[in-house]
């Protein structure tokens, strides 16, 4: 029997509503208005741009379509491989959101150029799913780099530039279930250059090489949906977005307060998201009530057994009453004794 991968086990463990809710949130994140806010808050080259400028510079968005696993992208895009054709019991893991942006770079007071940046955005429900998020994020960045081969650069011996065509990649991970002590933060992991000379680290190099081509951002949101004003605009915006305790109207009002233009598409996706959240909450409540009833029955049976044993050991019913046993339990215990 084939073993499930860790990703498949996580998916199997989720209820249908959990998966639908997760996909609803990711779908909203792929909307250009939401992407613009994430890009402005995480992509260094775009921090001084307005949301409108970022939206205008964004390229095509691929939503849950491109496989992460090397070698499968062309097969999926060509239609040769579909999810139902994949190995039984496993999930065809895909990038949540892939896009690119032409970011402006000022060369001088009078000249501005544009550089292409690749952007990946991922929603990560479990903060600690059995591995470090940073490990997975680094792998995703490496895939963003490798999939550029043949598109942005070539390995041809006739190509004088070769790797010089590489474009910088960002992988941005949103973790909505973070404990308070780590919540409200944005972590940055990128390549750093260190130059050693004569056994000592020196501050500069004579070679101006290009190495800043990967940047991982991990956004950690409070699982209690709280945030301080000092956390920044992006933290507040995303915290309200994933808050499953908000009604549809409360969420729409919050998004509008963050400057989002509420379209019919956004309103419908928010409606679906809050509906799934409500269904999950109602199921959890029903499950909790059921478990509470069962627990009460077990505790009652244990209490009755104790009372029976005490009566057999010579304890009177008056003493049982003084010890806190209710009249119904005492009468049942006498009958059993």
C-alpha atoms as a PDB file:
ATOM      1  CA  UNK A   1       0.000   0.000   0.000  1.00  0.00           C
ATOM      2  CA  UNK A   2       1.401   3.383  -1.005  1.00  0.00           C
ATOM      3  CA  UNK A   3       2.266   5.869   1.741  1.00  0.00           C
ATOM      4  CA  UNK A   4       0.707   9.321   1.649  1.00  0.00           C
ATOM      5  CA  UNK A   5       3.107  12.243   1.426  1.00  0.00           C
ATOM      6  CA  UNK A   6       3.090  14.731   4.311  1.00  0.00           C
ATOM      7  CA  UNK A   7       1.247  17.222   2.086  1.00  0.00           C
ATOM      8  CA  UNK A   8      -1.411  14.637   1.241  1.00  0.00           C
ATOM      9  CA  UNK A   9      -1.825  13.692   4.912  1.00  0.00           C
ATOM     10  CA  UNK A  10      -2.449  17.342   5.751  1.00  0.00           C
ATOM     11  CA  UNK A  11      -5.070  17.612   3.003  1.00  0.00           C
ATOM     12  CA  UNK A  12      -6.804  14.374   4.007  1.00  0.00           C
ATOM     13  CA  UNK A  13      -6.960  15.599   7.622  1.00  0.00           C
ATOM     14  CA  UNK A  14      -8.823  18.755   6.581  1.00  0.00           C
ATOM     15  CA  UNK A  15     -12.596  18.882   6.440  1.00  0.00           C
ATOM     16  CA  UNK A  16     -14.126  19.858   3.039  1.00  0.00           C
ATOM     17  CA  UNK A  17     -15.144  23.260   4.447  1.00  0.00           C
ATOM     18  CA  UNK A  18     -11.563  23.866   5.657  1.00  0.00           C
ATOM     19  CA  UNK A  19     -10.236  23.264   2.150  1.00  0.00           C
ATOM     20  CA  UNK A  20     -12.907  25.459   0.560  1.00  0.00           C
ATOM     21  CA  UNK A  21     -12.244  28.247   3.085  1.00  0.00           C
ATOM     22  CA  UNK A  22      -8.502  27.974   2.480  1.00  0.00           C
ATOM     23  CA  UNK A  23      -9.020  28.217  -1.288  1.00  0.00           C
ATOM     24  CA  UNK A  24     -11.402  31.175  -0.870  1.00  0.00           C
ATOM     25  CA  UNK A  25      -8.762  33.140   1.038  1.00  0.00           C
ATOM     26  CA  UNK A  26      -6.084  32.275  -1.529  1.00  0.00           C
ATOM     27  CA  UNK A  27      -8.405  33.303  -4.364  1.00  0.00           C
ATOM     28  CA  UNK A  28      -8.920  36.699  -2.733  1.00  0.00           C
ATOM     29  CA  UNK A  29      -5.152  37.065  -2.280  1.00  0.00           C
ATOM     30  CA  UNK A  30      -4.727  36.563  -6.037  1.00  0.00           C
ATOM     31  CA  UNK A  31      -6.973  39.587  -6.733  1.00  0.00           C
ATOM     32  CA  UNK A  32      -4.860  42.473  -8.041  1.00  0.00           C
ATOM     33  CA  UNK A  33      -5.995  44.829  -5.246  1.00  0.00           C
ATOM     34  CA  UNK A  34      -4.895  42.360  -2.570  1.00  0.00           C
ATOM     35  CA  UNK A  35      -1.686  41.500  -4.399  1.00  0.00           C
ATOM     36  CA  UNK A  36      -0.818  45.195  -4.670  1.00  0.00           C
ATOM     37  CA  UNK A  37      -0.938  45.547  -0.878  1.00  0.00           C
ATOM     38  CA  UNK A  38       1.192  42.450  -0.334  1.00  0.00           C
ATOM     39  CA  UNK A  39       3.729  43.561  -2.941  1.00  0.00           C
ATOM     40  CA  UNK A  40       3.994  47.069  -1.482  1.00  0.00           C
ATOM     41  CA  UNK A  41       4.550  45.655   2.012  1.00  0.00           C
ATOM     42  CA  UNK A  42       7.075  42.970   1.029  1.00  0.00           C
ATOM     43  CA  UNK A  43       8.854  43.803  -2.236  1.00  0.00           C
ATOM     44  CA  UNK A  44      11.630  46.296  -1.517  1.00  0.00           C
ATOM     45  CA  UNK A  45      11.678  47.615  -5.088  1.00  0.00           C
ATOM     46  CA  UNK A  46       7.981  48.589  -4.850  1.00  0.00           C
ATOM     47  CA  UNK A  47       7.703  50.150  -1.375  1.00  0.00           C
ATOM     48  CA  UNK A  48       7.519  53.700  -2.750  1.00  0.00           C
ATOM     49  CA  UNK A  49       4.842  52.901  -5.328  1.00  0.00           C
ATOM     50  CA  UNK A  50       1.110  53.436  -4.845  1.00  0.00           C
ATOM     51  CA  UNK A  51      -1.305  50.508  -4.960  1.00  0.00           C
ATOM     52  CA  UNK A  52      -2.572  51.777  -8.308  1.00  0.00           C
ATOM     53  CA  UNK A  53       0.932  51.933  -9.767  1.00  0.00           C
ATOM     54  CA  UNK A  54       1.692  48.398  -8.572  1.00  0.00           C
ATOM     55  CA  UNK A  55      -1.554  47.090 -10.079  1.00  0.00           C
ATOM     56  CA  UNK A  56      -0.653  48.648 -13.426  1.00  0.00           C
ATOM     57  CA  UNK A  57       2.819  47.028 -13.369  1.00  0.00           C
ATOM     58  CA  UNK A  58       1.665  43.520 -12.365  1.00  0.00           C
ATOM     59  CA  UNK A  59       1.811  40.782 -14.973  1.00  0.00           C
ATOM     60  CA  UNK A  60      -0.418  37.753 -15.504  1.00  0.00           C
ATOM     61  CA  UNK A  61      -1.429  35.819 -12.385  1.00  0.00           C
ATOM     62  CA  UNK A  62      -1.330  32.016 -12.245  1.00  0.00           C
ATOM     63  CA  UNK A  63      -3.647  30.756  -9.502  1.00  0.00           C
ATOM     64  CA  UNK A  64      -3.067  27.186  -8.219  1.00  0.00           C
ATOM     65  CA  UNK A  65      -2.102  25.984 -11.688  1.00  0.00           C
ATOM     66  CA  UNK A  66       1.685  25.556 -11.837  1.00  0.00           C
ATOM     67  CA  UNK A  67       3.109  22.383 -10.183  1.00  0.00           C
ATOM     68  CA  UNK A  68       5.904  22.843  -7.675  1.00  0.00           C
ATOM     69  CA  UNK A  69       7.538  19.529  -8.542  1.00  0.00           C
ATOM     70  CA  UNK A  70      10.238  19.893 -11.225  1.00  0.00           C
ATOM     71  CA  UNK A  71       9.449  18.363 -14.593  1.00  0.00           C
ATOM     72  CA  UNK A  72       5.648  18.505 -14.332  1.00  0.00           C
ATOM     73  CA  UNK A  73       4.953  22.095 -15.388  1.00  0.00           C
ATOM     74  CA  UNK A  74       5.033  21.515 -19.146  1.00  0.00           C
ATOM     75  CA  UNK A  75       2.945  18.333 -18.829  1.00  0.00           C
ATOM     76  CA  UNK A  76       0.236  20.141 -16.846  1.00  0.00           C
ATOM     77  CA  UNK A  77       0.175  23.257 -19.049  1.00  0.00           C
ATOM     78  CA  UNK A  78      -0.033  21.133 -22.200  1.00  0.00           C
ATOM     79  CA  UNK A  79      -2.865  19.039 -20.750  1.00  0.00           C
ATOM     80  CA  UNK A  80      -0.827  15.819 -20.746  1.00  0.00           C
ATOM     81  CA  UNK A  81      -1.096  15.522 -16.955  1.00  0.00           C
ATOM     82  CA  UNK A  82      -4.153  16.280 -14.844  1.00  0.00           C
ATOM     83  CA  UNK A  83      -4.709  15.869 -11.107  1.00  0.00           C
ATOM     84  CA  UNK A  84      -6.695  12.670 -11.686  1.00  0.00           C
ATOM     85  CA  UNK A  85      -3.714  11.190 -13.564  1.00  0.00           C
ATOM     86  CA  UNK A  86      -1.352  11.743 -10.649  1.00  0.00           C
ATOM     87  CA  UNK A  87      -0.201   9.029  -8.231  1.00  0.00           C
ATOM     88  CA  UNK A  88      -3.117   7.637  -6.245  1.00  0.00           C
ATOM     89  CA  UNK A  89      -3.226   8.953  -2.688  1.00  0.00           C
ATOM     90  CA  UNK A  90      -1.007  11.957  -3.395  1.00  0.00           C
ATOM     91  CA  UNK A  91      -1.789  15.572  -4.156  1.00  0.00           C
ATOM     92  CA  UNK A  92      -0.348  17.416  -7.116  1.00  0.00           C
ATOM     93  CA  UNK A  93       1.205  20.288  -5.121  1.00  0.00           C
ATOM     94  CA  UNK A  94       0.977  23.612  -6.934  1.00  0.00           C
ATOM     95  CA  UNK A  95       2.132  27.141  -6.319  1.00  0.00           C
ATOM     96  CA  UNK A  96      -0.767  29.081  -4.773  1.00  0.00           C
ATOM     97  CA  UNK A  97      -0.086  32.300  -6.670  1.00  0.00           C
ATOM     98  CA  UNK A  98       2.579  33.130  -9.244  1.00  0.00           C
ATOM     99  CA  UNK A  99       3.021  36.447 -11.015  1.00  0.00           C
ATOM    100  CA  UNK A 100       5.625  39.025 -12.012  1.00  0.00           C
ATOM    101  CA  UNK A 101       6.002  42.768 -11.906  1.00  0.00           C
ATOM    102  CA  UNK A 102       8.043  45.316 -13.848  1.00  0.00           C
ATOM    103  CA  UNK A 103       9.494  47.362 -11.003  1.00  0.00           C
ATOM    104  CA  UNK A 104      10.978  50.810 -11.711  1.00  0.00           C
ATOM    105  CA  UNK A 105      14.628  51.369 -10.824  1.00  0.00           C
ATOM    106  CA  UNK A 106      15.988  54.900 -10.848  1.00  0.00           C
ATOM    107  CA  UNK A 107      19.324  55.025 -12.675  1.00  0.00           C
ATOM    108  CA  UNK A 108      19.723  58.791 -12.380  1.00  0.00           C
ATOM    109  CA  UNK A 109      17.669  61.900 -11.742  1.00  0.00           C
ATOM    110  CA  UNK A 110      16.499  61.851 -15.337  1.00  0.00           C
ATOM    111  CA  UNK A 111      16.455  58.134 -16.193  1.00  0.00           C
ATOM    112  CA  UNK A 112      14.404  55.221 -14.886  1.00  0.00           C
ATOM    113  CA  UNK A 113      14.624  51.617 -16.005  1.00  0.00           C
ATOM    114  CA  UNK A 114      12.355  48.658 -15.249  1.00  0.00           C
ATOM    115  CA  UNK A 115      13.417  45.268 -13.881  1.00  0.00           C
ATOM    116  CA  UNK A 116      11.298  42.131 -13.940  1.00  0.00           C
ATOM    117  CA  UNK A 117      10.678  40.445 -10.586  1.00  0.00           C
ATOM    118  CA  UNK A 118       8.946  37.101 -10.084  1.00  0.00           C
ATOM    119  CA  UNK A 119       6.522  36.884  -7.163  1.00  0.00           C
ATOM    120  CA  UNK A 120       5.079  33.835  -5.411  1.00  0.00           C
ATOM    121  CA  UNK A 121       2.460  34.173  -2.643  1.00  0.00           C
ATOM    122  CA  UNK A 122       1.541  31.226  -0.423  1.00  0.00           C
ATOM    123  CA  UNK A 123      -1.057  30.790   2.319  1.00  0.00           C
ATOM    124  CA  UNK A 124       0.170  28.498   5.105  1.00  0.00           C
ATOM    125  CA  UNK A 125      -2.494  27.557   7.650  1.00  0.00           C
ATOM    126  CA  UNK A 126      -0.300  25.449   9.955  1.00  0.00           C
ATOM    127  CA  UNK A 127       2.637  27.462  11.275  1.00  0.00           C
ATOM    128  CA  UNK A 128       4.570  24.287  12.168  1.00  0.00           C
ATOM    129  CA  UNK A 129       3.392  21.523   9.787  1.00  0.00           C
ATOM    130  CA  UNK A 130       6.277  19.176  10.615  1.00  0.00           C
ATOM    131  CA  UNK A 131       9.006  21.232   8.925  1.00  0.00           C
ATOM    132  CA  UNK A 132      10.221  24.822   8.994  1.00  0.00           C
ATOM    133  CA  UNK A 133       8.290  27.151   6.687  1.00  0.00           C
ATOM    134  CA  UNK A 134      11.603  28.747   5.756  1.00  0.00           C
ATOM    135  CA  UNK A 135      12.825  25.420   4.330  1.00  0.00           C
ATOM    136  CA  UNK A 136       9.817  25.099   2.070  1.00  0.00           C
ATOM    137  CA  UNK A 137      10.030  28.765   1.117  1.00  0.00           C
ATOM    138  CA  UNK A 138      13.671  28.392   0.072  1.00  0.00           C
ATOM    139  CA  UNK A 139      12.759  25.382  -2.078  1.00  0.00           C
ATOM    140  CA  UNK A 140       9.964  27.356  -3.734  1.00  0.00           C
ATOM    141  CA  UNK A 141      12.397  30.200  -4.499  1.00  0.00           C
ATOM    142  CA  UNK A 142      14.826  27.721  -6.044  1.00  0.00           C
ATOM    143  CA  UNK A 143      11.980  26.448  -8.236  1.00  0.00           C
ATOM    144  CA  UNK A 144      11.155  30.030  -9.224  1.00  0.00           C
ATOM    145  CA  UNK A 145      14.781  30.372 -10.306  1.00  0.00           C
ATOM    146  CA  UNK A 146      15.061  27.040 -12.133  1.00  0.00           C
ATOM    147  CA  UNK A 147      11.810  27.487 -14.077  1.00  0.00           C
ATOM    148  CA  UNK A 148      13.297  30.624 -15.664  1.00  0.00           C
ATOM    149  CA  UNK A 149      15.726  28.446 -17.643  1.00  0.00           C
ATOM    150  CA  UNK A 150      14.682  28.674 -21.273  1.00  0.00           C
ATOM    151  CA  UNK A 151      12.502  31.713 -20.563  1.00  0.00           C
ATOM    152  CA  UNK A 152      14.738  34.372 -19.030  1.00  0.00           C
ATOM    153  CA  UNK A 153      18.137  32.769 -19.588  1.00  0.00           C
ATOM    154  CA  UNK A 154      19.714  29.879 -21.471  1.00  0.00           C
ATOM    155  CA  UNK A 155      22.576  27.459 -20.930  1.00  0.00           C
ATOM    156  CA  UNK A 156      23.614  27.606 -24.574  1.00  0.00           C
ATOM    157  CA  UNK A 157      27.321  27.931 -25.254  1.00  0.00           C
ATOM    158  CA  UNK A 158      26.400  30.482 -27.906  1.00  0.00           C
ATOM    159  CA  UNK A 159      24.690  32.736 -25.366  1.00  0.00           C
ATOM    160  CA  UNK A 160      27.259  35.223 -24.008  1.00  0.00           C
ATOM    161  CA  UNK A 161      24.938  36.332 -21.164  1.00  0.00           C
ATOM    162  CA  UNK A 162      23.651  32.941 -19.949  1.00  0.00           C
ATOM    163  CA  UNK A 163      22.871  33.306 -16.230  1.00  0.00           C
ATOM    164  CA  UNK A 164      22.946  37.078 -16.516  1.00  0.00           C
ATOM    165  CA  UNK A 165      19.319  36.933 -17.602  1.00  0.00           C
ATOM    166  CA  UNK A 166      18.186  35.604 -14.204  1.00  0.00           C
ATOM    167  CA  UNK A 167      15.405  37.626 -12.612  1.00  0.00           C
ATOM    168  CA  UNK A 168      15.061  38.194  -8.866  1.00  0.00           C
ATOM    169  CA  UNK A 169      12.374  36.121  -7.136  1.00  0.00           C
ATOM    170  CA  UNK A 170      10.237  36.735  -4.062  1.00  0.00           C
ATOM    171  CA  UNK A 171       8.364  34.059  -2.146  1.00  0.00           C
ATOM    172  CA  UNK A 172       5.877  35.499   0.359  1.00  0.00           C
ATOM    173  CA  UNK A 173       4.298  33.213   2.965  1.00  0.00           C
ATOM    174  CA  UNK A 174       1.261  34.209   5.028  1.00  0.00           C
ATOM    175  CA  UNK A 175       0.818  32.274   8.304  1.00  0.00           C
ATOM    176  CA  UNK A 176      -2.524  33.160   9.983  1.00  0.00           C
ATOM    177  CA  UNK A 177      -2.242  30.804  12.997  1.00  0.00           C
ATOM    178  CA  UNK A 178       0.779  32.251  14.836  1.00  0.00           C
ATOM    179  CA  UNK A 179       0.998  32.369  18.676  1.00  0.00           C
ATOM    180  CA  UNK A 180       0.997  35.895  20.085  1.00  0.00           C
ATOM    181  CA  UNK A 181       4.700  35.958  20.997  1.00  0.00           C
ATOM    182  CA  UNK A 182       5.679  35.619  17.311  1.00  0.00           C
ATOM    183  CA  UNK A 183       2.671  37.316  15.697  1.00  0.00           C
ATOM    184  CA  UNK A 184       2.578  40.668  13.953  1.00  0.00           C
ATOM    185  CA  UNK A 185       5.954  40.229  12.269  1.00  0.00           C
ATOM    186  CA  UNK A 186       7.411  39.989   8.774  1.00  0.00           C
ATOM    187  CA  UNK A 187      10.589  37.924   8.548  1.00  0.00           C
ATOM    188  CA  UNK A 188      13.067  38.385   5.693  1.00  0.00           C
ATOM    189  CA  UNK A 189      15.494  35.702   4.523  1.00  0.00           C
ATOM    190  CA  UNK A 190      17.794  36.612   1.647  1.00  0.00           C
ATOM    191  CA  UNK A 191      21.254  35.952   0.277  1.00  0.00           C
ATOM    192  CA  UNK A 192      24.004  37.816   2.088  1.00  0.00           C
ATOM    193  CA  UNK A 193      27.525  38.403   0.832  1.00  0.00           C
ATOM    194  CA  UNK A 194      30.542  38.082   3.107  1.00  0.00           C
ATOM    195  CA  UNK A 195      34.084  38.720   1.901  1.00  0.00           C
ATOM    196  CA  UNK A 196      37.033  37.224   3.742  1.00  0.00           C
ATOM    197  CA  UNK A 197      40.610  38.391   3.248  1.00  0.00           C
ATOM    198  CA  UNK A 198      43.654  37.139   5.148  1.00  0.00           C
ATOM    199  CA  UNK A 199      41.404  35.295   7.595  1.00  0.00           C
ATOM    200  CA  UNK A 200      39.295  38.359   8.374  1.00  0.00           C
ATOM    201  CA  UNK A 201      35.914  39.521   7.101  1.00  0.00           C
ATOM    202  CA  UNK A 202      36.214  42.757   5.173  1.00  0.00           C
ATOM    203  CA  UNK A 203      33.420  45.178   4.429  1.00  0.00           C
ATOM    204  CA  UNK A 204      33.768  45.450   0.672  1.00  0.00           C
ATOM    205  CA  UNK A 205      34.788  43.575  -2.450  1.00  0.00           C
ATOM    206  CA  UNK A 206      36.555  44.701  -5.592  1.00  0.00           C
ATOM    207  CA  UNK A 207      34.038  42.688  -7.643  1.00  0.00           C
ATOM    208  CA  UNK A 208      30.571  44.183  -8.071  1.00  0.00           C
ATOM    209  CA  UNK A 209      28.727  40.925  -8.684  1.00  0.00           C
ATOM    210  CA  UNK A 210      24.999  40.349  -8.581  1.00  0.00           C
ATOM    211  CA  UNK A 211      23.765  37.994  -5.882  1.00  0.00           C
ATOM    212  CA  UNK A 212      20.567  39.543  -4.511  1.00  0.00           C
ATOM    213  CA  UNK A 213      18.249  37.308  -6.543  1.00  0.00           C
ATOM    214  CA  UNK A 214      16.165  35.532  -3.863  1.00  0.00           C
ATOM    215  CA  UNK A 215      14.105  36.966  -1.012  1.00  0.00           C
ATOM    216  CA  UNK A 216      11.791  35.023   1.300  1.00  0.00           C
ATOM    217  CA  UNK A 217       9.186  36.872   3.365  1.00  0.00           C
ATOM    218  CA  UNK A 218       7.207  35.155   6.139  1.00  0.00           C
ATOM    219  CA  UNK A 219       4.222  37.130   7.440  1.00  0.00           C
ATOM    220  CA  UNK A 220       3.114  35.859  10.856  1.00  0.00           C
ATOM    221  CA  UNK A 221      -0.451  36.820  11.839  1.00  0.00           C
ATOM    222  CA  UNK A 222      -2.017  36.317  15.257  1.00  0.00           C
ATOM    223  CA  UNK A 223      -4.256  33.265  15.595  1.00  0.00           C
ATOM    224  CA  UNK A 224      -6.356  35.445  17.942  1.00  0.00           C
ATOM    225  CA  UNK A 225      -6.800  38.012  15.134  1.00  0.00           C
ATOM    226  CA  UNK A 226      -5.194  40.812  17.159  1.00  0.00           C
ATOM    227  CA  UNK A 227      -2.642  43.368  16.005  1.00  0.00           C
ATOM    228  CA  UNK A 228      -1.142  46.616  17.194  1.00  0.00           C
ATOM    229  CA  UNK A 229      -1.281  49.771  15.117  1.00  0.00           C
ATOM    230  CA  UNK A 230       2.521  49.723  15.106  1.00  0.00           C
ATOM    231  CA  UNK A 231       2.455  46.385  13.241  1.00  0.00           C
ATOM    232  CA  UNK A 232       1.962  48.204   9.956  1.00  0.00           C
ATOM    233  CA  UNK A 233      -0.757  48.479   7.316  1.00  0.00           C
ATOM    234  CA  UNK A 234      -0.155  45.060   5.753  1.00  0.00           C
ATOM    235  CA  UNK A 235      -0.390  43.147   9.059  1.00  0.00           C
ATOM    236  CA  UNK A 236      -3.701  44.819   9.924  1.00  0.00           C
ATOM    237  CA  UNK A 237      -5.095  44.303   6.430  1.00  0.00           C
ATOM    238  CA  UNK A 238      -4.261  40.565   6.312  1.00  0.00           C
ATOM    239  CA  UNK A 239      -5.317  39.943   9.931  1.00  0.00           C
ATOM    240  CA  UNK A 240      -8.788  41.310   9.230  1.00  0.00           C
ATOM    241  CA  UNK A 241      -8.964  39.365   5.966  1.00  0.00           C
ATOM    242  CA  UNK A 242      -8.400  35.956   7.628  1.00  0.00           C
ATOM    243  CA  UNK A 243     -10.441  36.744  10.759  1.00  0.00           C
ATOM    244  CA  UNK A 244     -13.048  33.954  10.775  1.00  0.00           C
ATOM    245  CA  UNK A 245     -15.063  35.660  13.538  1.00  0.00           C
ATOM    246  CA  UNK A 246     -16.119  38.582  11.342  1.00  0.00           C
ATOM    247  CA  UNK A 247     -19.445  38.637   9.540  1.00  0.00           C
ATOM    248  CA  UNK A 248     -19.587  39.306   5.814  1.00  0.00           C
ATOM    249  CA  UNK A 249     -20.496  42.974   6.308  1.00  0.00           C
ATOM    250  CA  UNK A 250     -17.846  43.494   8.991  1.00  0.00           C
ATOM    251  CA  UNK A 251     -15.211  42.060   6.686  1.00  0.00           C
ATOM    252  CA  UNK A 252     -16.352  44.144   3.713  1.00  0.00           C
ATOM    253  CA  UNK A 253     -16.333  47.290   5.880  1.00  0.00           C
ATOM    254  CA  UNK A 254     -12.825  46.443   7.076  1.00  0.00           C
ATOM    255  CA  UNK A 255     -11.553  45.899   3.533  1.00  0.00           C
ATOM    256  CA  UNK A 256     -13.122  49.170   2.416  1.00  0.00           C
ATOM    257  CA  UNK A 257     -11.446  50.862   5.389  1.00  0.00           C
ATOM    258  CA  UNK A 258      -8.116  49.589   4.084  1.00  0.00           C
ATOM    259  CA  UNK A 259      -8.844  51.213   0.725  1.00  0.00           C
ATOM    260  CA  UNK A 260     -10.049  48.143  -1.181  1.00  0.00           C
ATOM    261  CA  UNK A 261     -12.610  48.910  -3.893  1.00  0.00           C
ATOM    262  CA  UNK A 262     -15.419  46.421  -3.258  1.00  0.00           C
ATOM    263  CA  UNK A 263     -16.382  44.804  -6.561  1.00  0.00           C
ATOM    264  CA  UNK A 264     -19.103  42.204  -7.097  1.00  0.00           C
ATOM    265  CA  UNK A 265     -16.401  39.530  -7.402  1.00  0.00           C
ATOM    266  CA  UNK A 266     -14.805  40.483  -4.086  1.00  0.00           C
ATOM    267  CA  UNK A 267     -18.202  40.687  -2.372  1.00  0.00           C
ATOM    268  CA  UNK A 268     -19.135  37.184  -3.592  1.00  0.00           C
ATOM    269  CA  UNK A 269     -15.799  35.676  -2.537  1.00  0.00           C
ATOM    270  CA  UNK A 270     -16.110  37.285   0.911  1.00  0.00           C
ATOM    271  CA  UNK A 271     -19.657  35.901   1.168  1.00  0.00           C
ATOM    272  CA  UNK A 272     -18.407  32.387   0.398  1.00  0.00           C
ATOM    273  CA  UNK A 273     -15.533  32.752   2.840  1.00  0.00           C
ATOM    274  CA  UNK A 274     -17.752  33.844   5.732  1.00  0.00           C
ATOM    275  CA  UNK A 275     -20.289  31.102   4.894  1.00  0.00           C
ATOM    276  CA  UNK A 276     -17.591  28.423   5.105  1.00  0.00           C
ATOM    277  CA  UNK A 277     -16.295  29.967   8.348  1.00  0.00           C
ATOM    278  CA  UNK A 278     -19.796  29.847   9.840  1.00  0.00           C
ATOM    279  CA  UNK A 279     -20.295  26.209   8.794  1.00  0.00           C
ATOM    280  CA  UNK A 280     -16.971  25.242  10.382  1.00  0.00           C
ATOM    281  CA  UNK A 281     -17.856  27.109  13.595  1.00  0.00           C
ATOM    282  CA  UNK A 282     -21.283  25.431  13.799  1.00  0.00           C
ATOM    283  CA  UNK A 283     -19.773  21.978  13.231  1.00  0.00           C
ATOM    284  CA  UNK A 284     -17.143  22.595  15.888  1.00  0.00           C
ATOM    285  CA  UNK A 285     -19.815  23.753  18.313  1.00  0.00           C
ATOM    286  CA  UNK A 286     -21.957  20.667  17.647  1.00  0.00           C
ATOM    287  CA  UNK A 287     -18.902  18.449  18.037  1.00  0.00           C
ATOM    288  CA  UNK A 288     -18.046  20.162  21.326  1.00  0.00           C
ATOM    289  CA  UNK A 289     -21.588  19.694  22.662  1.00  0.00           C
ATOM    290  CA  UNK A 290     -21.530  16.014  21.667  1.00  0.00           C
ATOM    291  CA  UNK A 291     -18.164  15.508  23.346  1.00  0.00           C
ATOM    292  CA  UNK A 292     -19.424  17.339  26.428  1.00  0.00           C
ATOM    293  CA  UNK A 293     -22.475  15.052  26.682  1.00  0.00           C
ATOM    294  CA  UNK A 294     -20.296  11.974  26.318  1.00  0.00           C
ATOM    295  CA  UNK A 295     -17.865  13.258  28.923  1.00  0.00           C
ATOM    296  CA  UNK A 296     -20.779  13.966  31.288  1.00  0.00           C
ATOM    297  CA  UNK A 297     -22.061  10.426  30.870  1.00  0.00           C
ATOM    298  CA  UNK A 298     -18.659   8.925  31.609  1.00  0.00           C
ATOM    299  CA  UNK A 299     -18.185  11.133  34.672  1.00  0.00           C
ATOM    300  CA  UNK A 300     -21.677  10.228  35.913  1.00  0.00           C
ATOM    301  CA  UNK A 301     -20.956   6.526  35.510  1.00  0.00           C
ATOM    302  CA  UNK A 302     -17.675   6.894  37.391  1.00  0.00           C
ATOM    303  CA  UNK A 303     -19.413   8.791  40.206  1.00  0.00           C
ATOM    304  CA  UNK A 304     -22.089   6.105  40.475  1.00  0.00           C
ATOM    305  CA  UNK A 305     -19.448   3.351  40.632  1.00  0.00           C
ATOM    306  CA  UNK A 306     -17.661   5.206  43.446  1.00  0.00           C
ATOM    307  CA  UNK A 307     -20.923   5.554  45.418  1.00  0.00           C
ATOM    308  CA  UNK A 308     -21.708   1.830  45.019  1.00  0.00           C
ATOM    309  CA  UNK A 309     -18.250   0.879  46.250  1.00  0.00           C
ATOM    310  CA  UNK A 310     -18.535   3.186  49.260  1.00  0.00           C
ATOM    311  CA  UNK A 311     -21.914   1.704  50.233  1.00  0.00           C
ATOM    312  CA  UNK A 312     -20.407  -1.778  50.031  1.00  0.00           C
ATOM    313  CA  UNK A 313     -17.617  -0.583  52.315  1.00  0.00           C
ATOM    314  CA  UNK A 314     -20.127   0.498  54.964  1.00  0.00           C
ATOM    315  CA  UNK A 315     -20.593   4.186  54.168  1.00  0.00           C
ATOM    316  CA  UNK A 316     -24.183   5.290  54.873  1.00  0.00           C
ATOM    317  CA  UNK A 317     -26.382   7.196  52.439  1.00  0.00           C
ATOM    318  CA  UNK A 318     -26.321  10.180  54.839  1.00  0.00           C
ATOM    319  CA  UNK A 319     -22.517  10.234  54.684  1.00  0.00           C
ATOM    320  CA  UNK A 320     -22.653  10.045  50.860  1.00  0.00           C
ATOM    321  CA  UNK A 321     -24.963  13.069  50.855  1.00  0.00           C
ATOM    322  CA  UNK A 322     -22.537  14.986  53.083  1.00  0.00           C
ATOM    323  CA  UNK A 323     -19.740  14.098  50.639  1.00  0.00           C
ATOM    324  CA  UNK A 324     -21.654  15.805  47.833  1.00  0.00           C
ATOM    325  CA  UNK A 325     -23.354  12.922  46.029  1.00  0.00           C
ATOM    326  CA  UNK A 326     -26.780  13.949  44.686  1.00  0.00           C
ATOM    327  CA  UNK A 327     -29.936  12.115  45.685  1.00  0.00           C
ATOM    328  CA  UNK A 328     -30.429  10.486  42.259  1.00  0.00           C
ATOM    329  CA  UNK A 329     -26.918   8.953  42.303  1.00  0.00           C
ATOM    330  CA  UNK A 330     -27.365   7.726  45.897  1.00  0.00           C
ATOM    331  CA  UNK A 331     -30.696   6.016  45.097  1.00  0.00           C
ATOM    332  CA  UNK A 332     -29.187   4.350  41.986  1.00  0.00           C
ATOM    333  CA  UNK A 333     -26.177   3.198  44.019  1.00  0.00           C
ATOM    334  CA  UNK A 334     -28.444   1.678  46.709  1.00  0.00           C
ATOM    335  CA  UNK A 335     -30.371  -0.203  44.027  1.00  0.00           C
ATOM    336  CA  UNK A 336     -27.163  -1.580  42.487  1.00  0.00           C
ATOM    337  CA  UNK A 337     -25.595  -2.486  45.826  1.00  0.00           C
END
